[in-house]
Amino acid sequence: MVNSWYKENKNTLTLNIYVVPRSSKSEIIGIYNDYLKIKLKSPPVDNAANEELIRFLADKLKTSKSKIEILKGHNQKKKVILITGCRLNDLKYLYANI
């Protein structure tokens, strides 16, 4: 099975994330049209959802927030995230069905 929601390149991972802000709790839902769907409690106002997404990913991947960057989609639900110093094997902490 080919997974197109993530790509590994040397010491980085690129993830396609679909964010649902203003949810009852922050959690990973699953794969949705080549995106990893994540619900966030924060609203998409004043960068709150983006900041929560970075905190959430850092916590799940057991890495620092400074290693996570939003490359595309700052003001959209569909985002491209770059994680430095993370390998494919580390995604098991994020989503088990890879």
PDB file of N, CA and C in Angstrom:
ATOM      1  N   MET A   1       0.842  -1.197   0.000  1.00  0.00           N
ATOM      2  CA  MET A   1       0.000   0.000   0.000  1.00  0.00           C
ATOM      3  C   MET A   1       0.877   1.248   0.000  1.00  0.00           C
ATOM      4  N   VAL A   2       0.586   2.159  -0.899  1.00  0.00           N
ATOM      5  CA  VAL A   2       1.344   3.397  -0.998  1.00  0.00           C
ATOM      6  C   VAL A   2       0.632   4.463  -0.174  1.00  0.00           C
ATOM      7  N   ASN A   3       1.384   5.096   0.712  1.00  0.00           N
ATOM      8  CA  ASN A   3       0.825   6.177   1.525  1.00  0.00           C
ATOM      9  C   ASN A   3       1.290   7.501   0.947  1.00  0.00           C
ATOM     10  N   SER A   4       0.370   8.331   0.546  1.00  0.00           N
ATOM     11  CA  SER A   4       0.758   9.602  -0.049  1.00  0.00           C
ATOM     12  C   SER A   4       0.585  10.770   0.908  1.00  0.00           C
ATOM     13  N   TRP A   5       0.248  10.504   2.177  1.00  0.00           N
ATOM     14  CA  TRP A   5       0.098  11.592   3.145  1.00  0.00           C
ATOM     15  C   TRP A   5       1.418  11.942   3.808  1.00  0.00           C
ATOM     16  N   TYR A   6       2.451  11.159   3.571  1.00  0.00           N
ATOM     17  CA  TYR A   6       3.771  11.471   4.112  1.00  0.00           C
ATOM     18  C   TYR A   6       4.857  11.115   3.120  1.00  0.00           C
ATOM     19  N   LYS A   7       5.997  11.799   3.248  1.00  0.00           N
ATOM     20  CA  LYS A   7       7.185  11.514   2.442  1.00  0.00           C
ATOM     21  C   LYS A   7       8.394  11.624   3.346  1.00  0.00           C
ATOM     22  N   GLU A   8       9.306  10.693   3.191  1.00  0.00           N
ATOM     23  CA  GLU A   8      10.555  10.721   3.944  1.00  0.00           C
ATOM     24  C   GLU A   8      11.675  11.124   3.003  1.00  0.00           C
ATOM     25  N   ASN A   9      12.532  12.031   3.457  1.00  0.00           N
ATOM     26  CA  ASN A   9      13.675  12.470   2.672  1.00  0.00           C
ATOM     27  C   ASN A   9      14.842  12.702   3.610  1.00  0.00           C
ATOM     28  N   LYS A  10      15.780  11.779   3.635  1.00  0.00           N
ATOM     29  CA  LYS A  10      16.950  11.824   4.513  1.00  0.00           C
ATOM     30  C   LYS A  10      16.526  11.982   5.964  1.00  0.00           C
ATOM     31  N   ASN A  11      16.714  13.150   6.521  1.00  0.00           N
ATOM     32  CA  ASN A  11      16.443  13.360   7.944  1.00  0.00           C
ATOM     33  C   ASN A  11      15.191  14.207   8.172  1.00  0.00           C
ATOM     34  N   THR A  12      14.274  14.198   7.193  1.00  0.00           N
ATOM     35  CA  THR A  12      13.047  14.987   7.331  1.00  0.00           C
ATOM     36  C   THR A  12      11.832  14.178   6.896  1.00  0.00           C
ATOM     37  N   LEU A  13      10.700  14.570   7.421  1.00  0.00           N
ATOM     38  CA  LEU A  13       9.410  14.026   6.994  1.00  0.00           C
ATOM     39  C   LEU A  13       8.537  15.186   6.543  1.00  0.00           C
ATOM     40  N   THR A  14       7.790  14.974   5.491  1.00  0.00           N
ATOM     41  CA  THR A  14       6.796  15.934   5.036  1.00  0.00           C
ATOM     42  C   THR A  14       5.440  15.256   5.171  1.00  0.00           C
ATOM     43  N   LEU A  15       4.535  15.917   5.864  1.00  0.00           N
ATOM     44  CA  LEU A  15       3.212  15.361   6.115  1.00  0.00           C
ATOM     45  C   LEU A  15       2.135  16.247   5.517  1.00  0.00           C
ATOM     46  N   ASN A  16       1.133  15.623   4.899  1.00  0.00           N
ATOM     47  CA  ASN A  16      -0.070  16.324   4.472  1.00  0.00           C
ATOM     48  C   ASN A  16      -1.084  16.164   5.592  1.00  0.00           C
ATOM     49  N   ILE A  17      -1.523  17.275   6.148  1.00  0.00           N
ATOM     50  CA  ILE A  17      -2.429  17.269   7.291  1.00  0.00           C
ATOM     51  C   ILE A  17      -3.719  17.999   6.918  1.00  0.00           C
ATOM     52  N   TYR A  18      -4.853  17.406   7.278  1.00  0.00           N
ATOM     53  CA  TYR A  18      -6.149  18.061   7.138  1.00  0.00           C
ATOM     54  C   TYR A  18      -6.648  18.366   8.546  1.00  0.00           C
ATOM     55  N   VAL A  19      -6.803  19.649   8.849  1.00  0.00           N
ATOM     56  CA  VAL A  19      -7.132  20.100  10.200  1.00  0.00           C
ATOM     57  C   VAL A  19      -8.618  20.445  10.303  1.00  0.00           C
ATOM     58  N   VAL A  20      -9.225  20.001  11.403  1.00  0.00           N
ATOM     59  CA  VAL A  20     -10.608  20.380  11.720  1.00  0.00           C
ATOM     60  C   VAL A  20     -10.555  21.169  13.033  1.00  0.00           C
ATOM     61  N   PRO A  21     -10.585  22.501  12.948  1.00  0.00           N
ATOM     62  CA  PRO A  21     -10.526  23.326  14.160  1.00  0.00           C
ATOM     63  C   PRO A  21     -11.856  23.336  14.900  1.00  0.00           C
ATOM     64  N   ARG A  22     -11.835  23.877  16.106  1.00  0.00           N
ATOM     65  CA  ARG A  22     -13.028  24.012  16.960  1.00  0.00           C
ATOM     66  C   ARG A  22     -13.710  22.674  17.250  1.00  0.00           C
ATOM     67  N   SER A  23     -12.919  21.646  17.478  1.00  0.00           N
ATOM     68  CA  SER A  23     -13.467  20.330  17.813  1.00  0.00           C
ATOM     69  C   SER A  23     -13.562  20.196  19.326  1.00  0.00           C
ATOM     70  N   SER A  24     -14.282  19.179  19.765  1.00  0.00           N
ATOM     71  CA  SER A  24     -14.452  18.981  21.209  1.00  0.00           C
ATOM     72  C   SER A  24     -13.154  18.555  21.890  1.00  0.00           C
ATOM     73  N   LYS A  25     -12.272  17.877  21.135  1.00  0.00           N
ATOM     74  CA  LYS A  25     -10.957  17.534  21.676  1.00  0.00           C
ATOM     75  C   LYS A  25      -9.967  17.391  20.531  1.00  0.00           C
ATOM     76  N   SER A  26      -8.689  17.473  20.863  1.00  0.00           N
ATOM     77  CA  SER A  26      -7.634  17.327  19.863  1.00  0.00           C
ATOM     78  C   SER A  26      -7.275  15.851  19.744  1.00  0.00           C
ATOM     79  N   GLU A  27      -7.368  15.344  18.503  1.00  0.00           N
ATOM     80  CA  GLU A  27      -7.091  13.934  18.281  1.00  0.00           C
ATOM     81  C   GLU A  27      -6.849  13.662  16.806  1.00  0.00           C
ATOM     82  N   ILE A  28      -6.183  12.535  16.545  1.00  0.00           N
ATOM     83  CA  ILE A  28      -5.966  12.071  15.187  1.00  0.00           C
ATOM     84  C   ILE A  28      -7.155  11.196  14.801  1.00  0.00           C
ATOM     85  N   ILE A  29      -7.752  11.491  13.647  1.00  0.00           N
ATOM     86  CA  ILE A  29      -8.928  10.771  13.189  1.00  0.00           C
ATOM     87  C   ILE A  29      -8.542   9.620  12.265  1.00  0.00           C
ATOM     88  N   GLY A  30      -7.651   9.863  11.335  1.00  0.00           N
ATOM     89  CA  GLY A  30      -7.249   8.837  10.367  1.00  0.00           C
ATOM     90  C   GLY A  30      -6.883   9.465   9.043  1.00  0.00           C
ATOM     91  N   ILE A  31      -6.866   8.656   8.010  1.00  0.00           N
ATOM     92  CA  ILE A  31      -6.498   9.135   6.682  1.00  0.00           C
ATOM     93  C   ILE A  31      -7.756   9.607   5.958  1.00  0.00           C
ATOM     94  N   TYR A  32      -7.651  10.770   5.323  1.00  0.00           N
ATOM     95  CA  TYR A  32      -8.764  11.396   4.608  1.00  0.00           C
ATOM     96  C   TYR A  32      -8.225  11.966   3.307  1.00  0.00           C
ATOM     97  N   ASN A  33      -8.512  11.321   2.176  1.00  0.00           N
ATOM     98  CA  ASN A  33      -8.077  11.809   0.854  1.00  0.00           C
ATOM     99  C   ASN A  33      -6.610  12.215   0.813  1.00  0.00           C
ATOM    100  N   ASP A  34      -5.720  11.322   1.154  1.00  0.00           N
ATOM    101  CA  ASP A  34      -4.272  11.552   1.128  1.00  0.00           C
ATOM    102  C   ASP A  34      -3.796  12.593   2.149  1.00  0.00           C
ATOM    103  N   TYR A  35      -4.563  12.781   3.191  1.00  0.00           N
ATOM    104  CA  TYR A  35      -4.194  13.668   4.296  1.00  0.00           C
ATOM    105  C   TYR A  35      -4.402  12.917   5.603  1.00  0.00           C
ATOM    106  N   LEU A  36      -3.582  13.223   6.587  1.00  0.00           N
ATOM    107  CA  LEU A  36      -3.822  12.738   7.937  1.00  0.00           C
ATOM    108  C   LEU A  36      -4.762  13.744   8.591  1.00  0.00           C
ATOM    109  N   LYS A  37      -5.955  13.297   8.958  1.00  0.00           N
ATOM    110  CA  LYS A  37      -6.971  14.200   9.504  1.00  0.00           C
ATOM    111  C   LYS A  37      -6.787  14.317  11.015  1.00  0.00           C
ATOM    112  N   ILE A  38      -6.666  15.562  11.480  1.00  0.00           N
ATOM    113  CA  ILE A  38      -6.469  15.846  12.896  1.00  0.00           C
ATOM    114  C   ILE A  38      -7.494  16.876  13.345  1.00  0.00           C
ATOM    115  N   LYS A  39      -8.208  16.552  14.424  1.00  0.00           N
ATOM    116  CA  LYS A  39      -9.133  17.510  15.037  1.00  0.00           C
ATOM    117  C   LYS A  39      -8.363  18.298  16.097  1.00  0.00           C
ATOM    118  N   LEU A  40      -8.635  19.606  16.161  1.00  0.00           N
ATOM    119  CA  LEU A  40      -8.004  20.487  17.143  1.00  0.00           C
ATOM    120  C   LEU A  40      -9.069  21.270  17.893  1.00  0.00           C
ATOM    121  N   LYS A  41      -8.854  21.481  19.173  1.00  0.00           N
ATOM    122  CA  LYS A  41      -9.799  22.257  19.983  1.00  0.00           C
ATOM    123  C   LYS A  41      -9.774  23.741  19.636  1.00  0.00           C
ATOM    124  N   SER A  42      -8.622  24.241  19.262  1.00  0.00           N
ATOM    125  CA  SER A  42      -8.454  25.681  19.021  1.00  0.00           C
ATOM    126  C   SER A  42      -9.213  26.150  17.788  1.00  0.00           C
ATOM    127  N   PRO A  43      -9.659  27.404  17.818  1.00  0.00           N
ATOM    128  CA  PRO A  43     -10.297  27.985  16.632  1.00  0.00           C
ATOM    129  C   PRO A  43      -9.225  28.482  15.653  1.00  0.00           C
ATOM    130  N   PRO A  44      -9.599  28.655  14.392  1.00  0.00           N
ATOM    131  CA  PRO A  44      -8.636  29.154  13.407  1.00  0.00           C
ATOM    132  C   PRO A  44      -8.518  30.674  13.451  1.00  0.00           C
ATOM    133  N   VAL A  45      -8.287  31.215  14.627  1.00  0.00           N
ATOM    134  CA  VAL A  45      -8.215  32.660  14.820  1.00  0.00           C
ATOM    135  C   VAL A  45      -6.866  32.999  15.450  1.00  0.00           C
ATOM    136  N   ASP A  46      -6.242  34.060  14.966  1.00  0.00           N
ATOM    137  CA  ASP A  46      -4.967  34.543  15.510  1.00  0.00           C
ATOM    138  C   ASP A  46      -3.921  33.435  15.601  1.00  0.00           C
ATOM    139  N   ASN A  47      -3.888  32.543  14.598  1.00  0.00           N
ATOM    140  CA  ASN A  47      -2.876  31.494  14.501  1.00  0.00           C
ATOM    141  C   ASN A  47      -3.000  30.424  15.598  1.00  0.00           C
ATOM    142  N   ALA A  48      -4.082  30.430  16.346  1.00  0.00           N
ATOM    143  CA  ALA A  48      -4.235  29.501  17.479  1.00  0.00           C
ATOM    144  C   ALA A  48      -4.248  28.045  17.029  1.00  0.00           C
ATOM    145  N   ALA A  49      -4.951  27.724  15.949  1.00  0.00           N
ATOM    146  CA  ALA A  49      -5.013  26.338  15.483  1.00  0.00           C
ATOM    147  C   ALA A  49      -3.653  25.868  14.978  1.00  0.00           C
ATOM    148  N   ASN A  50      -2.932  26.732  14.269  1.00  0.00           N
ATOM    149  CA  ASN A  50      -1.593  26.364  13.792  1.00  0.00           C
ATOM    150  C   ASN A  50      -0.648  26.095  14.958  1.00  0.00           C
ATOM    151  N   GLU A  51      -0.700  26.942  15.967  1.00  0.00           N
ATOM    152  CA  GLU A  51       0.155  26.753  17.137  1.00  0.00           C
ATOM    153  C   GLU A  51      -0.199  25.473  17.875  1.00  0.00           C
ATOM    154  N   GLU A  52      -1.485  25.189  18.002  1.00  0.00           N
ATOM    155  CA  GLU A  52      -1.887  23.948  18.660  1.00  0.00           C
ATOM    156  C   GLU A  52      -1.464  22.735  17.845  1.00  0.00           C
ATOM    157  N   LEU A  53      -1.567  22.816  16.514  1.00  0.00           N
ATOM    158  CA  LEU A  53      -1.143  21.714  15.655  1.00  0.00           C
ATOM    159  C   LEU A  53       0.340  21.395  15.871  1.00  0.00           C
ATOM    160  N   ILE A  54       1.161  22.420  15.923  1.00  0.00           N
ATOM    161  CA  ILE A  54       2.600  22.214  16.139  1.00  0.00           C
ATOM    162  C   ILE A  54       2.849  21.603  17.516  1.00  0.00           C
ATOM    163  N   ARG A  55       2.183  22.109  18.544  1.00  0.00           N
ATOM    164  CA  ARG A  55       2.324  21.527  19.895  1.00  0.00           C
ATOM    165  C   ARG A  55       1.872  20.074  19.916  1.00  0.00           C
ATOM    166  N   PHE A  56       0.743  19.805  19.293  1.00  0.00           N
ATOM    167  CA  PHE A  56       0.170  18.466  19.253  1.00  0.00           C
ATOM    168  C   PHE A  56       1.119  17.484  18.556  1.00  0.00           C
ATOM    169  N   LEU A  57       1.641  17.872  17.391  1.00  0.00           N
ATOM    170  CA  LEU A  57       2.565  17.000  16.655  1.00  0.00           C
ATOM    171  C   LEU A  57       3.865  16.786  17.424  1.00  0.00           C
ATOM    172  N   ALA A  58       4.382  17.844  18.023  1.00  0.00           N
ATOM    173  CA  ALA A  58       5.632  17.732  18.791  1.00  0.00           C
ATOM    174  C   ALA A  58       5.454  16.762  19.952  1.00  0.00           C
ATOM    175  N   ASP A  59       4.328  16.859  20.622  1.00  0.00           N
ATOM    176  CA  ASP A  59       4.052  15.963  21.746  1.00  0.00           C
ATOM    177  C   ASP A  59       3.927  14.516  21.283  1.00  0.00           C
ATOM    178  N   LYS A  60       3.162  14.283  20.227  1.00  0.00           N
ATOM    179  CA  LYS A  60       2.948  12.930  19.723  1.00  0.00           C
ATOM    180  C   LYS A  60       4.229  12.303  19.178  1.00  0.00           C
ATOM    181  N   LEU A  61       5.049  13.114  18.498  1.00  0.00           N
ATOM    182  CA  LEU A  61       6.275  12.595  17.896  1.00  0.00           C
ATOM    183  C   LEU A  61       7.471  12.633  18.835  1.00  0.00           C
ATOM    184  N   LYS A  62       7.262  13.166  20.029  1.00  0.00           N
ATOM    185  CA  LYS A  62       8.328  13.262  21.027  1.00  0.00           C
ATOM    186  C   LYS A  62       9.538  14.028  20.480  1.00  0.00           C
ATOM    187  N   THR A  63       9.243  15.203  19.939  1.00  0.00           N
ATOM    188  CA  THR A  63      10.278  16.076  19.398  1.00  0.00           C
ATOM    189  C   THR A  63       9.984  17.509  19.824  1.00  0.00           C
ATOM    190  N   SER A  64      10.877  18.419  19.525  1.00  0.00           N
ATOM    191  CA  SER A  64      10.661  19.816  19.912  1.00  0.00           C
ATOM    192  C   SER A  64       9.832  20.555  18.860  1.00  0.00           C
ATOM    193  N   LYS A  65       9.127  21.571  19.323  1.00  0.00           N
ATOM    194  CA  LYS A  65       8.293  22.385  18.430  1.00  0.00           C
ATOM    195  C   LYS A  65       9.124  23.077  17.362  1.00  0.00           C
ATOM    196  N   SER A  66      10.364  23.407  17.673  1.00  0.00           N
ATOM    197  CA  SER A  66      11.218  24.122  16.726  1.00  0.00           C
ATOM    198  C   SER A  66      11.574  23.284  15.503  1.00  0.00           C
ATOM    199  N   LYS A  67      11.363  21.980  15.565  1.00  0.00           N
ATOM    200  CA  LYS A  67      11.665  21.099  14.438  1.00  0.00           C
ATOM    201  C   LYS A  67      10.476  20.906  13.505  1.00  0.00           C
ATOM    202  N   ILE A  68       9.361  21.563  13.835  1.00  0.00           N
ATOM    203  CA  ILE A  68       8.139  21.415  13.037  1.00  0.00           C
ATOM    204  C   ILE A  68       7.795  22.759  12.398  1.00  0.00           C
ATOM    205  N   GLU A  69       7.569  22.720  11.085  1.00  0.00           N
ATOM    206  CA  GLU A  69       7.298  23.945  10.343  1.00  0.00           C
ATOM    207  C   GLU A  69       6.124  23.720   9.392  1.00  0.00           C
ATOM    208  N   ILE A  70       5.236  24.684   9.333  1.00  0.00           N
ATOM    209  CA  ILE A  70       4.143  24.646   8.355  1.00  0.00           C
ATOM    210  C   ILE A  70       4.666  25.259   7.065  1.00  0.00           C
ATOM    211  N   LEU A  71       4.772  24.438   6.021  1.00  0.00           N
ATOM    212  CA  LEU A  71       5.285  24.918   4.738  1.00  0.00           C
ATOM    213  C   LEU A  71       4.196  25.573   3.897  1.00  0.00           C
ATOM    214  N   LYS A  72       3.010  24.962   3.888  1.00  0.00           N
ATOM    215  CA  LYS A  72       1.893  25.465   3.078  1.00  0.00           C
ATOM    216  C   LYS A  72       0.609  25.366   3.882  1.00  0.00           C
ATOM    217  N   GLY A  73      -0.319  26.260   3.589  1.00  0.00           N
ATOM    218  CA  GLY A  73      -1.652  26.174   4.160  1.00  0.00           C
ATOM    219  C   GLY A  73      -1.823  26.848   5.504  1.00  0.00           C
ATOM    220  N   HIS A  74      -1.088  27.911   5.764  1.00  0.00           N
ATOM    221  CA  HIS A  74      -1.215  28.605   7.042  1.00  0.00           C
ATOM    222  C   HIS A  74      -2.643  29.033   7.341  1.00  0.00           C
ATOM    223  N   ASN A  75      -3.392  29.403   6.313  1.00  0.00           N
ATOM    224  CA  ASN A  75      -4.770  29.875   6.500  1.00  0.00           C
ATOM    225  C   ASN A  75      -5.785  28.917   5.898  1.00  0.00           C
ATOM    226  N   GLN A  76      -5.411  27.648   5.778  1.00  0.00           N
ATOM    227  CA  GLN A  76      -6.294  26.654   5.180  1.00  0.00           C
ATOM    228  C   GLN A  76      -6.376  25.411   6.055  1.00  0.00           C
ATOM    229  N   LYS A  77      -7.361  24.584   5.787  1.00  0.00           N
ATOM    230  CA  LYS A  77      -7.481  23.325   6.522  1.00  0.00           C
ATOM    231  C   LYS A  77      -6.451  22.310   6.055  1.00  0.00           C
ATOM    232  N   LYS A  78      -6.102  22.341   4.776  1.00  0.00           N
ATOM    233  CA  LYS A  78      -5.098  21.437   4.222  1.00  0.00           C
ATOM    234  C   LYS A  78      -3.725  22.083   4.370  1.00  0.00           C
ATOM    235  N   LYS A  79      -2.820  21.375   5.051  1.00  0.00           N
ATOM    236  CA  LYS A  79      -1.497  21.912   5.353  1.00  0.00           C
ATOM    237  C   LYS A  79      -0.415  20.923   4.961  1.00  0.00           C
ATOM    238  N   VAL A  80       0.755  21.445   4.659  1.00  0.00           N
ATOM    239  CA  VAL A  80       1.943  20.630   4.439  1.00  0.00           C
ATOM    240  C   VAL A  80       2.914  20.981   5.553  1.00  0.00           C
ATOM    241  N   ILE A  81       3.321  19.962   6.302  1.00  0.00           N
ATOM    242  CA  ILE A  81       4.167  20.136   7.479  1.00  0.00           C
ATOM    243  C   ILE A  81       5.519  19.493   7.226  1.00  0.00           C
ATOM    244  N   LEU A  82       6.594  20.188   7.586  1.00  0.00           N
ATOM    245  CA  LEU A  82       7.951  19.647   7.504  1.00  0.00           C
ATOM    246  C   LEU A  82       8.455  19.406   8.918  1.00  0.00           C
ATOM    247  N   ILE A  83       8.961  18.197   9.155  1.00  0.00           N
ATOM    248  CA  ILE A  83       9.500  17.853  10.462  1.00  0.00           C
ATOM    249  C   ILE A  83      10.955  17.432  10.272  1.00  0.00           C
ATOM    250  N   THR A  84      11.865  18.179  10.858  1.00  0.00           N
ATOM    251  CA  THR A  84      13.290  17.915  10.762  1.00  0.00           C
ATOM    252  C   THR A  84      13.718  16.969  11.876  1.00  0.00           C
ATOM    253  N   GLY A  85      14.641  16.075  11.551  1.00  0.00           N
ATOM    254  CA  GLY A  85      15.156  15.156  12.558  1.00  0.00           C
ATOM    255  C   GLY A  85      14.190  14.042  12.894  1.00  0.00           C
ATOM    256  N   CYS A  86      13.271  13.757  12.001  1.00  0.00           N
ATOM    257  CA  CYS A  86      12.253  12.738  12.228  1.00  0.00           C
ATOM    258  C   CYS A  86      12.333  11.738  11.082  1.00  0.00           C
ATOM    259  N   ARG A  87      12.192  10.466  11.404  1.00  0.00           N
ATOM    260  CA  ARG A  87      12.264   9.401  10.411  1.00  0.00           C
ATOM    261  C   ARG A  87      10.908   8.712  10.287  1.00  0.00           C
ATOM    262  N   LEU A  88      10.770   7.920   9.255  1.00  0.00           N
ATOM    263  CA  LEU A  88       9.533   7.199   9.006  1.00  0.00           C
ATOM    264  C   LEU A  88       9.127   6.350  10.207  1.00  0.00           C
ATOM    265  N   ASN A  89      10.088   5.735  10.842  1.00  0.00           N
ATOM    266  CA  ASN A  89       9.819   4.896  12.006  1.00  0.00           C
ATOM    267  C   ASN A  89       9.161   5.700  13.148  1.00  0.00           C
ATOM    268  N   ASP A  90       9.443   7.003  13.224  1.00  0.00           N
ATOM    269  CA  ASP A  90       8.873   7.851  14.274  1.00  0.00           C
ATOM    270  C   ASP A  90       7.374   8.090  14.093  1.00  0.00           C
ATOM    271  N   LEU A  91       6.871   7.850  12.888  1.00  0.00           N
ATOM    272  CA  LEU A  91       5.439   8.068  12.646  1.00  0.00           C
ATOM    273  C   LEU A  91       4.568   7.090  13.418  1.00  0.00           C
ATOM    274  N   LYS A  92       5.143   5.995  13.899  1.00  0.00           N
ATOM    275  CA  LYS A  92       4.335   5.043  14.684  1.00  0.00           C
ATOM    276  C   LYS A  92       3.784   5.703  15.939  1.00  0.00           C
ATOM    277  N   TYR A  93       4.464   6.750  16.433  1.00  0.00           N
ATOM    278  CA  TYR A  93       3.964   7.486  17.586  1.00  0.00           C
ATOM    279  C   TYR A  93       2.776   8.358  17.204  1.00  0.00           C
ATOM    280  N   LEU A  94       2.699   8.692  15.922  1.00  0.00           N
ATOM    281  CA  LEU A  94       1.653   9.577  15.448  1.00  0.00           C
ATOM    282  C   LEU A  94       0.440   8.795  14.937  1.00  0.00           C
ATOM    283  N   TYR A  95       0.718   7.813  14.090  1.00  0.00           N
ATOM    284  CA  TYR A  95      -0.386   7.079  13.465  1.00  0.00           C
ATOM    285  C   TYR A  95       0.074   5.649  13.191  1.00  0.00           C
ATOM    286  N   ALA A  96      -0.602   4.699  13.752  1.00  0.00           N
ATOM    287  CA  ALA A  96      -0.155   3.296  13.717  1.00  0.00           C
ATOM    288  C   ALA A  96      -0.323   2.633  12.357  1.00  0.00           C
ATOM    289  N   ASN A  97      -1.238   3.099  11.528  1.00  0.00           N
ATOM    290  CA  ASN A  97      -1.541   2.426  10.256  1.00  0.00           C
ATOM    291  C   ASN A  97      -0.718   2.943   9.089  1.00  0.00           C
ATOM    292  N   ILE A  98       0.611   2.955   9.242  1.00  0.00           N
ATOM    293  CA  ILE A  98       1.458   3.393   8.129  1.00  0.00           C
ATOM    294  C   ILE A  98       2.053   2.199   7.426  1.00  0.00           C
TER     295      ILE A  98
END
